[in-house]
Amino acid sequence: MTTDSLFRLSNLAEGATVTIDFEGQAMEVPEGISVAAALLACGARDFRSSVVGDQPRAPYCMMGVCFECLVEIDGVPARQSCLIPVRGGMCIKRQSGAPALDIEDEGEGHE
């Protein structure tokens, strides 16, 4: 059983490319493909860890239904990487567990 990535970037030289940053590593990928496709093609194995059990998770459906591909993009957590096209300079990080929520006190009467 192979453990090598089955995703490959074909014809990379034929079209425009952009450089993205994933966990501090620069990656040159075709312009216009999804973040998930770019990361998979560059060998990323896990995109986030599960909320329960801290298990590694990766894209499953590649069409925005399963939410397994959540990553942090440019400081914004819980982004569906399969639905977002890459653009030059993107900074992408794995998401660890559930994203933090900024909940402010809504005033009196809400206890």
PDB file of N, CA and C in Angstrom:
ATOM      1  N   MET A   1       0.851  -1.180   0.000  1.00  0.00           N
ATOM      2  CA  MET A   1       0.000   0.000   0.000  1.00  0.00           C
ATOM      3  C   MET A   1       0.889   1.233   0.000  1.00  0.00           C
ATOM      4  N   THR A   2       0.637   2.129  -0.910  1.00  0.00           N
ATOM      5  CA  THR A   2       1.451   3.338  -1.012  1.00  0.00           C
ATOM      6  C   THR A   2       1.010   4.391  -0.003  1.00  0.00           C
ATOM      7  N   THR A   3       1.968   5.151   0.458  1.00  0.00           N
ATOM      8  CA  THR A   3       1.653   6.282   1.337  1.00  0.00           C
ATOM      9  C   THR A   3       1.972   7.602   0.655  1.00  0.00           C
ATOM     10  N   ASP A   4       2.376   7.536  -0.613  1.00  0.00           N
ATOM     11  CA  ASP A   4       2.647   8.749  -1.378  1.00  0.00           C
ATOM     12  C   ASP A   4       1.328   9.409  -1.772  1.00  0.00           C
ATOM     13  N   SER A   5       1.364  10.729  -1.896  1.00  0.00           N
ATOM     14  CA  SER A   5       0.174  11.464  -2.296  1.00  0.00           C
ATOM     15  C   SER A   5      -0.253  11.048  -3.701  1.00  0.00           C
ATOM     16  N   LEU A   6      -1.538  10.854  -3.882  1.00  0.00           N
ATOM     17  CA  LEU A   6      -2.076  10.504  -5.191  1.00  0.00           C
ATOM     18  C   LEU A   6      -2.429  11.747  -6.002  1.00  0.00           C
ATOM     19  N   PHE A   7      -2.311  12.924  -5.387  1.00  0.00           N
ATOM     20  CA  PHE A   7      -2.595  14.181  -6.066  1.00  0.00           C
ATOM     21  C   PHE A   7      -1.321  14.717  -6.682  1.00  0.00           C
ATOM     22  N   ARG A   8      -1.393  15.140  -7.928  1.00  0.00           N
ATOM     23  CA  ARG A   8      -0.244  15.683  -8.640  1.00  0.00           C
ATOM     24  C   ARG A   8      -0.657  16.960  -9.365  1.00  0.00           C
ATOM     25  N   LEU A   9       0.267  17.902  -9.450  1.00  0.00           N
ATOM     26  CA  LEU A   9       0.034  19.108 -10.242  1.00  0.00           C
ATOM     27  C   LEU A   9       0.565  18.839 -11.637  1.00  0.00           C
ATOM     28  N   SER A  10      -0.326  18.696 -12.608  1.00  0.00           N
ATOM     29  CA  SER A  10       0.116  18.451 -13.969  1.00  0.00           C
ATOM     30  C   SER A  10       0.168  19.768 -14.734  1.00  0.00           C
ATOM     31  N   ASN A  11       1.054  19.824 -15.688  1.00  0.00           N
ATOM     32  CA  ASN A  11       1.186  20.992 -16.561  1.00  0.00           C
ATOM     33  C   ASN A  11       1.416  22.287 -15.794  1.00  0.00           C
ATOM     34  N   LEU A  12       2.199  22.234 -14.736  1.00  0.00           N
ATOM     35  CA  LEU A  12       2.476  23.401 -13.903  1.00  0.00           C
ATOM     36  C   LEU A  12       3.092  24.536 -14.708  1.00  0.00           C
ATOM     37  N   ALA A  13       3.929  24.217 -15.676  1.00  0.00           N
ATOM     38  CA  ALA A  13       4.628  25.246 -16.443  1.00  0.00           C
ATOM     39  C   ALA A  13       3.722  25.939 -17.463  1.00  0.00           C
ATOM     40  N   GLU A  14       2.571  25.373 -17.773  1.00  0.00           N
ATOM     41  CA  GLU A  14       1.727  25.916 -18.826  1.00  0.00           C
ATOM     42  C   GLU A  14       0.930  27.159 -18.415  1.00  0.00           C
ATOM     43  N   GLY A  15       0.574  27.283 -17.146  1.00  0.00           N
ATOM     44  CA  GLY A  15      -0.260  28.403 -16.730  1.00  0.00           C
ATOM     45  C   GLY A  15       0.427  29.259 -15.689  1.00  0.00           C
ATOM     46  N   ALA A  16      -0.285  30.301 -15.297  1.00  0.00           N
ATOM     47  CA  ALA A  16       0.234  31.198 -14.265  1.00  0.00           C
ATOM     48  C   ALA A  16       0.253  30.485 -12.915  1.00  0.00           C
ATOM     49  N   THR A  17       1.225  30.826 -12.108  1.00  0.00           N
ATOM     50  CA  THR A  17       1.331  30.254 -10.769  1.00  0.00           C
ATOM     51  C   THR A  17       1.360  31.366  -9.730  1.00  0.00           C
ATOM     52  N   VAL A  18       1.055  30.994  -8.502  1.00  0.00           N
ATOM     53  CA  VAL A  18       1.147  31.906  -7.363  1.00  0.00           C
ATOM     54  C   VAL A  18       1.903  31.182  -6.256  1.00  0.00           C
ATOM     55  N   THR A  19       2.440  31.954  -5.329  1.00  0.00           N
ATOM     56  CA  THR A  19       3.139  31.374  -4.194  1.00  0.00           C
ATOM     57  C   THR A  19       2.285  31.574  -2.949  1.00  0.00           C
ATOM     58  N   ILE A  20       2.053  30.472  -2.237  1.00  0.00           N
ATOM     59  CA  ILE A  20       1.318  30.526  -0.979  1.00  0.00           C
ATOM     60  C   ILE A  20       2.242  30.023   0.123  1.00  0.00           C
ATOM     61  N   ASP A  21       1.887  30.319   1.359  1.00  0.00           N
ATOM     62  CA  ASP A  21       2.658  29.867   2.509  1.00  0.00           C
ATOM     63  C   ASP A  21       1.792  28.908   3.324  1.00  0.00           C
ATOM     64  N   PHE A  22       2.278  27.698   3.534  1.00  0.00           N
ATOM     65  CA  PHE A  22       1.566  26.735   4.374  1.00  0.00           C
ATOM     66  C   PHE A  22       2.475  26.323   5.516  1.00  0.00           C
ATOM     67  N   GLU A  23       2.103  26.747   6.712  1.00  0.00           N
ATOM     68  CA  GLU A  23       2.875  26.395   7.910  1.00  0.00           C
ATOM     69  C   GLU A  23       4.342  26.810   7.774  1.00  0.00           C
ATOM     70  N   GLY A  24       4.590  27.977   7.155  1.00  0.00           N
ATOM     71  CA  GLY A  24       5.945  28.487   7.012  1.00  0.00           C
ATOM     72  C   GLY A  24       6.704  27.977   5.804  1.00  0.00           C
ATOM     73  N   GLN A  25       6.075  27.152   4.976  1.00  0.00           N
ATOM     74  CA  GLN A  25       6.721  26.603   3.785  1.00  0.00           C
ATOM     75  C   GLN A  25       6.101  27.234   2.540  1.00  0.00           C
ATOM     76  N   ALA A  26       6.934  27.851   1.704  1.00  0.00           N
ATOM     77  CA  ALA A  26       6.447  28.450   0.462  1.00  0.00           C
ATOM     78  C   ALA A  26       6.146  27.346  -0.549  1.00  0.00           C
ATOM     79  N   MET A  27       5.012  27.488  -1.230  1.00  0.00           N
ATOM     80  CA  MET A  27       4.594  26.517  -2.239  1.00  0.00           C
ATOM     81  C   MET A  27       4.162  27.255  -3.489  1.00  0.00           C
ATOM     82  N   GLU A  28       4.656  26.845  -4.631  1.00  0.00           N
ATOM     83  CA  GLU A  28       4.241  27.423  -5.904  1.00  0.00           C
ATOM     84  C   GLU A  28       3.172  26.519  -6.498  1.00  0.00           C
ATOM     85  N   VAL A  29       1.996  27.110  -6.734  1.00  0.00           N
ATOM     86  CA  VAL A  29       0.844  26.334  -7.195  1.00  0.00           C
ATOM     87  C   VAL A  29       0.162  27.046  -8.355  1.00  0.00           C
ATOM     88  N   PRO A  30      -0.612  26.305  -9.166  1.00  0.00           N
ATOM     89  CA  PRO A  30      -1.335  26.945 -10.264  1.00  0.00           C
ATOM     90  C   PRO A  30      -2.355  27.957  -9.750  1.00  0.00           C
ATOM     91  N   GLU A  31      -2.417  29.074 -10.396  1.00  0.00           N
ATOM     92  CA  GLU A  31      -3.388  30.106 -10.052  1.00  0.00           C
ATOM     93  C   GLU A  31      -4.795  29.579 -10.311  1.00  0.00           C
ATOM     94  N   GLY A  32      -5.722  29.856  -9.395  1.00  0.00           N
ATOM     95  CA  GLY A  32      -7.125  29.534  -9.611  1.00  0.00           C
ATOM     96  C   GLY A  32      -7.602  28.204  -9.055  1.00  0.00           C
ATOM     97  N   ILE A  33      -6.702  27.295  -8.656  1.00  0.00           N
ATOM     98  CA  ILE A  33      -7.180  26.050  -8.064  1.00  0.00           C
ATOM     99  C   ILE A  33      -7.553  26.300  -6.607  1.00  0.00           C
ATOM    100  N   SER A  34      -8.269  25.377  -6.006  1.00  0.00           N
ATOM    101  CA  SER A  34      -8.678  25.569  -4.615  1.00  0.00           C
ATOM    102  C   SER A  34      -7.487  25.396  -3.673  1.00  0.00           C
ATOM    103  N   VAL A  35      -7.604  25.990  -2.502  1.00  0.00           N
ATOM    104  CA  VAL A  35      -6.567  25.846  -1.481  1.00  0.00           C
ATOM    105  C   VAL A  35      -6.376  24.366  -1.156  1.00  0.00           C
ATOM    106  N   ALA A  36      -7.479  23.627  -1.017  1.00  0.00           N
ATOM    107  CA  ALA A  36      -7.380  22.196  -0.699  1.00  0.00           C
ATOM    108  C   ALA A  36      -6.620  21.431  -1.775  1.00  0.00           C
ATOM    109  N   ALA A  37      -6.950  21.672  -3.041  1.00  0.00           N
ATOM    110  CA  ALA A  37      -6.265  20.981  -4.132  1.00  0.00           C
ATOM    111  C   ALA A  37      -4.779  21.324  -4.150  1.00  0.00           C
ATOM    112  N   ALA A  38      -4.458  22.584  -3.908  1.00  0.00           N
ATOM    113  CA  ALA A  38      -3.056  23.013  -3.895  1.00  0.00           C
ATOM    114  C   ALA A  38      -2.283  22.329  -2.773  1.00  0.00           C
ATOM    115  N   LEU A  39      -2.861  22.297  -1.568  1.00  0.00           N
ATOM    116  CA  LEU A  39      -2.167  21.676  -0.438  1.00  0.00           C
ATOM    117  C   LEU A  39      -2.005  20.176  -0.635  1.00  0.00           C
ATOM    118  N   LEU A  40      -3.056  19.515  -1.129  1.00  0.00           N
ATOM    119  CA  LEU A  40      -2.958  18.077  -1.376  1.00  0.00           C
ATOM    120  C   LEU A  40      -1.886  17.764  -2.416  1.00  0.00           C
ATOM    121  N   ALA A  41      -1.861  18.548  -3.493  1.00  0.00           N
ATOM    122  CA  ALA A  41      -0.884  18.318  -4.550  1.00  0.00           C
ATOM    123  C   ALA A  41       0.545  18.557  -4.085  1.00  0.00           C
ATOM    124  N   CYS A  42       0.709  19.412  -3.095  1.00  0.00           N
ATOM    125  CA  CYS A  42       2.045  19.697  -2.562  1.00  0.00           C
ATOM    126  C   CYS A  42       2.422  18.755  -1.414  1.00  0.00           C
ATOM    127  N   GLY A  43       1.562  17.779  -1.141  1.00  0.00           N
ATOM    128  CA  GLY A  43       1.910  16.748  -0.166  1.00  0.00           C
ATOM    129  C   GLY A  43       1.356  16.903   1.232  1.00  0.00           C
ATOM    130  N   ALA A  44       0.506  17.895   1.476  1.00  0.00           N
ATOM    131  CA  ALA A  44      -0.081  18.044   2.813  1.00  0.00           C
ATOM    132  C   ALA A  44      -0.967  16.841   3.103  1.00  0.00           C
ATOM    133  N   ARG A  45      -0.827  16.284   4.276  1.00  0.00           N
ATOM    134  CA  ARG A  45      -1.597  15.097   4.657  1.00  0.00           C
ATOM    135  C   ARG A  45      -2.762  15.431   5.580  1.00  0.00           C
ATOM    136  N   ASP A  46      -2.553  16.326   6.527  1.00  0.00           N
ATOM    137  CA  ASP A  46      -3.619  16.690   7.447  1.00  0.00           C
ATOM    138  C   ASP A  46      -3.763  18.206   7.455  1.00  0.00           C
ATOM    139  N   PHE A  47      -5.020  18.634   7.481  1.00  0.00           N
ATOM    140  CA  PHE A  47      -5.335  20.050   7.405  1.00  0.00           C
ATOM    141  C   PHE A  47      -5.753  20.608   8.756  1.00  0.00           C
ATOM    142  N   ARG A  48      -6.302  19.769   9.581  1.00  0.00           N
ATOM    143  CA  ARG A  48      -6.781  20.207  10.888  1.00  0.00           C
ATOM    144  C   ARG A  48      -6.773  19.016  11.827  1.00  0.00           C
ATOM    145  N   SER A  49      -7.020  19.282  13.106  1.00  0.00           N
ATOM    146  CA  SER A  49      -7.206  18.196  14.063  1.00  0.00           C
ATOM    147  C   SER A  49      -8.641  18.252  14.554  1.00  0.00           C
ATOM    148  N   SER A  50      -9.186  17.084  14.853  1.00  0.00           N
ATOM    149  CA  SER A  50     -10.584  17.014  15.269  1.00  0.00           C
ATOM    150  C   SER A  50     -10.784  17.657  16.633  1.00  0.00           C
ATOM    151  N   VAL A  51     -11.994  18.118  16.865  1.00  0.00           N
ATOM    152  CA  VAL A  51     -12.326  18.758  18.130  1.00  0.00           C
ATOM    153  C   VAL A  51     -12.266  17.733  19.263  1.00  0.00           C
ATOM    154  N   VAL A  52     -12.769  16.544  19.005  1.00  0.00           N
ATOM    155  CA  VAL A  52     -12.740  15.468  19.994  1.00  0.00           C
ATOM    156  C   VAL A  52     -11.653  14.479  19.590  1.00  0.00           C
ATOM    157  N   GLY A  53     -10.691  14.274  20.437  1.00  0.00           N
ATOM    158  CA  GLY A  53      -9.647  13.294  20.180  1.00  0.00           C
ATOM    159  C   GLY A  53      -8.410  13.822  19.493  1.00  0.00           C
ATOM    160  N   ASP A  54      -8.442  15.056  18.990  1.00  0.00           N
ATOM    161  CA  ASP A  54      -7.287  15.680  18.352  1.00  0.00           C
ATOM    162  C   ASP A  54      -6.706  14.817  17.222  1.00  0.00           C
ATOM    163  N   GLN A  55      -7.581  14.164  16.452  1.00  0.00           N
ATOM    164  CA  GLN A  55      -7.155  13.299  15.356  1.00  0.00           C
ATOM    165  C   GLN A  55      -6.959  14.102  14.072  1.00  0.00           C
ATOM    166  N   PRO A  56      -5.969  13.755  13.250  1.00  0.00           N
ATOM    167  CA  PRO A  56      -5.754  14.487  11.998  1.00  0.00           C
ATOM    168  C   PRO A  56      -6.912  14.283  11.020  1.00  0.00           C
ATOM    169  N   ARG A  57      -7.280  15.352  10.338  1.00  0.00           N
ATOM    170  CA  ARG A  57      -8.368  15.320   9.362  1.00  0.00           C
ATOM    171  C   ARG A  57      -7.887  15.935   8.061  1.00  0.00           C
ATOM    172  N   ALA A  58      -8.477  15.510   6.943  1.00  0.00           N
ATOM    173  CA  ALA A  58      -8.113  16.012   5.620  1.00  0.00           C
ATOM    174  C   ALA A  58      -9.375  16.119   4.769  1.00  0.00           C
ATOM    175  N   PRO A  59      -9.293  16.812   3.637  1.00  0.00           N
ATOM    176  CA  PRO A  59     -10.469  16.957   2.773  1.00  0.00           C
ATOM    177  C   PRO A  59     -11.063  15.603   2.399  1.00  0.00           C
ATOM    178  N   TYR A  60     -12.372  15.598   2.306  1.00  0.00           N
ATOM    179  CA  TYR A  60     -13.080  14.369   1.955  1.00  0.00           C
ATOM    180  C   TYR A  60     -13.927  14.559   0.704  1.00  0.00           C
ATOM    181  N   CYS A  61     -14.865  15.494   0.754  1.00  0.00           N
ATOM    182  CA  CYS A  61     -15.809  15.626  -0.358  1.00  0.00           C
ATOM    183  C   CYS A  61     -15.319  16.565  -1.460  1.00  0.00           C
ATOM    184  N   MET A  62     -14.496  17.535  -1.117  1.00  0.00           N
ATOM    185  CA  MET A  62     -13.959  18.533  -2.051  1.00  0.00           C
ATOM    186  C   MET A  62     -15.041  19.390  -2.716  1.00  0.00           C
ATOM    187  N   MET A  63     -16.214  19.502  -2.052  1.00  0.00           N
ATOM    188  CA  MET A  63     -17.275  20.349  -2.599  1.00  0.00           C
ATOM    189  C   MET A  63     -18.037  21.118  -1.526  1.00  0.00           C
ATOM    190  N   GLY A  64     -17.474  21.238  -0.331  1.00  0.00           N
ATOM    191  CA  GLY A  64     -18.053  22.098   0.691  1.00  0.00           C
ATOM    192  C   GLY A  64     -19.129  21.497   1.557  1.00  0.00           C
ATOM    193  N   VAL A  65     -19.290  20.183   1.546  1.00  0.00           N
ATOM    194  CA  VAL A  65     -20.344  19.554   2.323  1.00  0.00           C
ATOM    195  C   VAL A  65     -19.840  19.013   3.662  1.00  0.00           C
ATOM    196  N   CYS A  66     -18.656  18.447   3.694  1.00  0.00           N
ATOM    197  CA  CYS A  66     -18.217  17.688   4.870  1.00  0.00           C
ATOM    198  C   CYS A  66     -17.479  18.490   5.943  1.00  0.00           C
ATOM    199  N   PHE A  67     -16.904  19.622   5.627  1.00  0.00           N
ATOM    200  CA  PHE A  67     -16.181  20.484   6.568  1.00  0.00           C
ATOM    201  C   PHE A  67     -14.906  19.844   7.142  1.00  0.00           C
ATOM    202  N   GLU A  68     -14.367  18.839   6.480  1.00  0.00           N
ATOM    203  CA  GLU A  68     -13.128  18.213   6.937  1.00  0.00           C
ATOM    204  C   GLU A  68     -11.889  19.005   6.521  1.00  0.00           C
ATOM    205  N   CYS A  69     -12.034  19.947   5.619  1.00  0.00           N
ATOM    206  CA  CYS A  69     -10.900  20.677   5.064  1.00  0.00           C
ATOM    207  C   CYS A  69     -10.652  22.029   5.722  1.00  0.00           C
ATOM    208  N   LEU A  70     -11.211  22.261   6.908  1.00  0.00           N
ATOM    209  CA  LEU A  70     -11.088  23.565   7.547  1.00  0.00           C
ATOM    210  C   LEU A  70      -9.638  23.908   7.866  1.00  0.00           C
ATOM    211  N   VAL A  71      -9.244  25.130   7.505  1.00  0.00           N
ATOM    212  CA  VAL A  71      -7.906  25.656   7.788  1.00  0.00           C
ATOM    213  C   VAL A  71      -8.032  27.117   8.201  1.00  0.00           C
ATOM    214  N   GLU A  72      -6.939  27.666   8.679  1.00  0.00           N
ATOM    215  CA  GLU A  72      -6.875  29.098   8.952  1.00  0.00           C
ATOM    216  C   GLU A  72      -6.212  29.759   7.756  1.00  0.00           C
ATOM    217  N   ILE A  73      -6.867  30.768   7.190  1.00  0.00           N
ATOM    218  CA  ILE A  73      -6.325  31.490   6.035  1.00  0.00           C
ATOM    219  C   ILE A  73      -6.192  32.954   6.404  1.00  0.00           C
ATOM    220  N   ASP A  74      -4.989  33.461   6.327  1.00  0.00           N
ATOM    221  CA  ASP A  74      -4.695  34.863   6.644  1.00  0.00           C
ATOM    222  C   ASP A  74      -5.272  35.272   8.001  1.00  0.00           C
ATOM    223  N   GLY A  75      -5.144  34.392   8.974  1.00  0.00           N
ATOM    224  CA  GLY A  75      -5.574  34.684  10.333  1.00  0.00           C
ATOM    225  C   GLY A  75      -7.039  34.425  10.624  1.00  0.00           C
ATOM    226  N   VAL A  76      -7.812  34.009   9.616  1.00  0.00           N
ATOM    227  CA  VAL A  76      -9.236  33.734   9.802  1.00  0.00           C
ATOM    228  C   VAL A  76      -9.427  32.217   9.909  1.00  0.00           C
ATOM    229  N   PRO A  77      -9.910  31.723  11.071  1.00  0.00           N
ATOM    230  CA  PRO A  77     -10.069  30.279  11.242  1.00  0.00           C
ATOM    231  C   PRO A  77     -11.315  29.734  10.555  1.00  0.00           C
ATOM    232  N   ALA A  78     -11.378  28.406  10.475  1.00  0.00           N
ATOM    233  CA  ALA A  78     -12.560  27.676   9.993  1.00  0.00           C
ATOM    234  C   ALA A  78     -12.958  28.023   8.570  1.00  0.00           C
ATOM    235  N   ARG A  79     -11.979  28.172   7.687  1.00  0.00           N
ATOM    236  CA  ARG A  79     -12.251  28.424   6.266  1.00  0.00           C
ATOM    237  C   ARG A  79     -12.281  27.097   5.526  1.00  0.00           C
ATOM    238  N   GLN A  80     -13.268  26.895   4.677  1.00  0.00           N
ATOM    239  CA  GLN A  80     -13.363  25.669   3.892  1.00  0.00           C
ATOM    240  C   GLN A  80     -12.398  25.762   2.714  1.00  0.00           C
ATOM    241  N   SER A  81     -11.286  25.071   2.829  1.00  0.00           N
ATOM    242  CA  SER A  81     -10.225  25.199   1.826  1.00  0.00           C
ATOM    243  C   SER A  81     -10.614  24.665   0.455  1.00  0.00           C
ATOM    244  N   CYS A  82     -11.610  23.799   0.384  1.00  0.00           N
ATOM    245  CA  CYS A  82     -12.019  23.267  -0.917  1.00  0.00           C
ATOM    246  C   CYS A  82     -12.829  24.271  -1.727  1.00  0.00           C
ATOM    247  N   LEU A  83     -13.317  25.321  -1.088  1.00  0.00           N
ATOM    248  CA  LEU A  83     -14.156  26.308  -1.778  1.00  0.00           C
ATOM    249  C   LEU A  83     -13.443  27.618  -2.070  1.00  0.00           C
ATOM    250  N   ILE A  84     -12.212  27.765  -1.599  1.00  0.00           N
ATOM    251  CA  ILE A  84     -11.504  29.036  -1.712  1.00  0.00           C
ATOM    252  C   ILE A  84     -10.361  28.916  -2.717  1.00  0.00           C
ATOM    253  N   PRO A  85     -10.372  29.740  -3.774  1.00  0.00           N
ATOM    254  CA  PRO A  85      -9.264  29.698  -4.732  1.00  0.00           C
ATOM    255  C   PRO A  85      -7.997  30.314  -4.129  1.00  0.00           C
ATOM    256  N   VAL A  86      -6.855  29.756  -4.507  1.00  0.00           N
ATOM    257  CA  VAL A  86      -5.592  30.303  -4.013  1.00  0.00           C
ATOM    258  C   VAL A  86      -5.357  31.672  -4.635  1.00  0.00           C
ATOM    259  N   ARG A  87      -4.615  32.493  -3.913  1.00  0.00           N
ATOM    260  CA  ARG A  87      -4.141  33.775  -4.448  1.00  0.00           C
ATOM    261  C   ARG A  87      -2.755  33.990  -3.881  1.00  0.00           C
ATOM    262  N   GLY A  88      -1.963  34.714  -4.587  1.00  0.00           N
ATOM    263  CA  GLY A  88      -0.590  34.953  -4.170  1.00  0.00           C
ATOM    264  C   GLY A  88      -0.484  35.566  -2.789  1.00  0.00           C
ATOM    265  N   GLY A  89       0.434  35.053  -1.985  1.00  0.00           N
ATOM    266  CA  GLY A  89       0.697  35.600  -0.669  1.00  0.00           C
ATOM    267  C   GLY A  89      -0.168  35.064   0.451  1.00  0.00           C
ATOM    268  N   MET A  90      -1.086  34.150   0.142  1.00  0.00           N
ATOM    269  CA  MET A  90      -1.938  33.569   1.185  1.00  0.00           C
ATOM    270  C   MET A  90      -1.091  32.895   2.247  1.00  0.00           C
ATOM    271  N   CYS A  91      -1.464  33.097   3.503  1.00  0.00           N
ATOM    272  CA  CYS A  91      -0.797  32.441   4.623  1.00  0.00           C
ATOM    273  C   CYS A  91      -1.796  31.446   5.225  1.00  0.00           C
ATOM    274  N   ILE A  92      -1.478  30.172   5.122  1.00  0.00           N
ATOM    275  CA  ILE A  92      -2.400  29.110   5.507  1.00  0.00           C
ATOM    276  C   ILE A  92      -1.791  28.302   6.647  1.00  0.00           C
ATOM    277  N   LYS A  93      -2.619  27.996   7.638  1.00  0.00           N
ATOM    278  CA  LYS A  93      -2.167  27.185   8.773  1.00  0.00           C
ATOM    279  C   LYS A  93      -3.180  26.091   9.059  1.00  0.00           C
ATOM    280  N   ARG A  94      -2.689  24.987   9.613  1.00  0.00           N
ATOM    281  CA  ARG A  94      -3.593  23.940  10.068  1.00  0.00           C
ATOM    282  C   ARG A  94      -4.447  24.481  11.205  1.00  0.00           C
ATOM    283  N   GLN A  95      -5.666  23.986  11.292  1.00  0.00           N
ATOM    284  CA  GLN A  95      -6.542  24.383  12.390  1.00  0.00           C
ATOM    285  C   GLN A  95      -6.494  23.308  13.459  1.00  0.00           C
ATOM    286  N   SER A  96      -6.237  23.726  14.670  1.00  0.00           N
ATOM    287  CA  SER A  96      -6.155  22.791  15.788  1.00  0.00           C
ATOM    288  C   SER A  96      -7.437  22.862  16.603  1.00  0.00           C
ATOM    289  N   GLY A  97      -8.257  21.820  16.513  1.00  0.00           N
ATOM    290  CA  GLY A  97      -9.506  21.781  17.265  1.00  0.00           C
ATOM    291  C   GLY A  97     -10.498  22.810  16.774  1.00  0.00           C
ATOM    292  N   ALA A  98     -11.364  23.233  17.681  1.00  0.00           N
ATOM    293  CA  ALA A  98     -12.391  24.221  17.341  1.00  0.00           C
ATOM    294  C   ALA A  98     -11.807  25.623  17.361  1.00  0.00           C
ATOM    295  N   PRO A  99     -12.281  26.498  16.468  1.00  0.00           N
ATOM    296  CA  PRO A  99     -11.786  27.880  16.498  1.00  0.00           C
ATOM    297  C   PRO A  99     -12.299  28.600  17.735  1.00  0.00           C
ATOM    298  N   ALA A 100     -11.526  29.539  18.214  1.00  0.00           N
ATOM    299  CA  ALA A 100     -11.946  30.348  19.364  1.00  0.00           C
ATOM    300  C   ALA A 100     -13.036  31.312  18.918  1.00  0.00           C
ATOM    301  N   LEU A 101     -13.984  31.553  19.781  1.00  0.00           N
ATOM    302  CA  LEU A 101     -15.054  32.494  19.488  1.00  0.00           C
ATOM    303  C   LEU A 101     -14.871  33.743  20.324  1.00  0.00           C
ATOM    304  N   ASP A 102     -15.001  34.897  19.694  1.00  0.00           N
ATOM    305  CA  ASP A 102     -14.953  36.160  20.427  1.00  0.00           C
ATOM    306  C   ASP A 102     -16.376  36.538  20.806  1.00  0.00           C
ATOM    307  N   ILE A 103     -16.735  36.225  22.035  1.00  0.00           N
ATOM    308  CA  ILE A 103     -18.070  36.529  22.526  1.00  0.00           C
ATOM    309  C   ILE A 103     -17.948  37.652  23.534  1.00  0.00           C
ATOM    310  N   GLU A 104     -18.552  38.774  23.212  1.00  0.00           N
ATOM    311  CA  GLU A 104     -18.503  39.939  24.100  1.00  0.00           C
ATOM    312  C   GLU A 104     -19.749  39.963  24.967  1.00  0.00           C
ATOM    313  N   ASP A 105     -19.620  40.579  26.118  1.00  0.00           N
ATOM    314  CA  ASP A 105     -20.764  40.739  27.014  1.00  0.00           C
ATOM    315  C   ASP A 105     -21.810  41.593  26.308  1.00  0.00           C
ATOM    316  N   GLU A 106     -23.018  41.070  26.219  1.00  0.00           N
ATOM    317  CA  GLU A 106     -24.090  41.774  25.509  1.00  0.00           C
ATOM    318  C   GLU A 106     -24.909  42.687  26.408  1.00  0.00           C
ATOM    319  N   GLY A 107     -24.434  42.943  27.601  1.00  0.00           N
ATOM    320  CA  GLY A 107     -25.139  43.866  28.478  1.00  0.00           C
ATOM    321  C   GLY A 107     -25.918  43.165  29.572  1.00  0.00           C
ATOM    322  N   GLU A 108     -26.711  43.949  30.262  1.00  0.00           N
ATOM    323  CA  GLU A 108     -27.471  43.431  31.395  1.00  0.00           C
ATOM    324  C   GLU A 108     -28.596  42.509  30.926  1.00  0.00           C
ATOM    325  N   GLY A 109     -28.955  41.587  31.804  1.00  0.00           N
ATOM    326  CA  GLY A 109     -30.075  40.704  31.511  1.00  0.00           C
ATOM    327  C   GLY A 109     -29.686  39.430  30.800  1.00  0.00           C
ATOM    328  N   HIS A 110     -28.433  39.294  30.377  1.00  0.00           N
ATOM    329  CA  HIS A 110     -27.967  38.080  29.695  1.00  0.00           C
ATOM    330  C   HIS A 110     -26.997  37.366  30.599  1.00  0.00           C
ATOM    331  N   GLU A 111     -27.534  36.545  31.451  1.00  0.00           N
ATOM    332  CA  GLU A 111     -26.648  35.837  32.394  1.00  0.00           C
ATOM    333  C   GLU A 111     -26.752  34.357  32.222  1.00  0.00           C
TER     334      GLU A 111
END
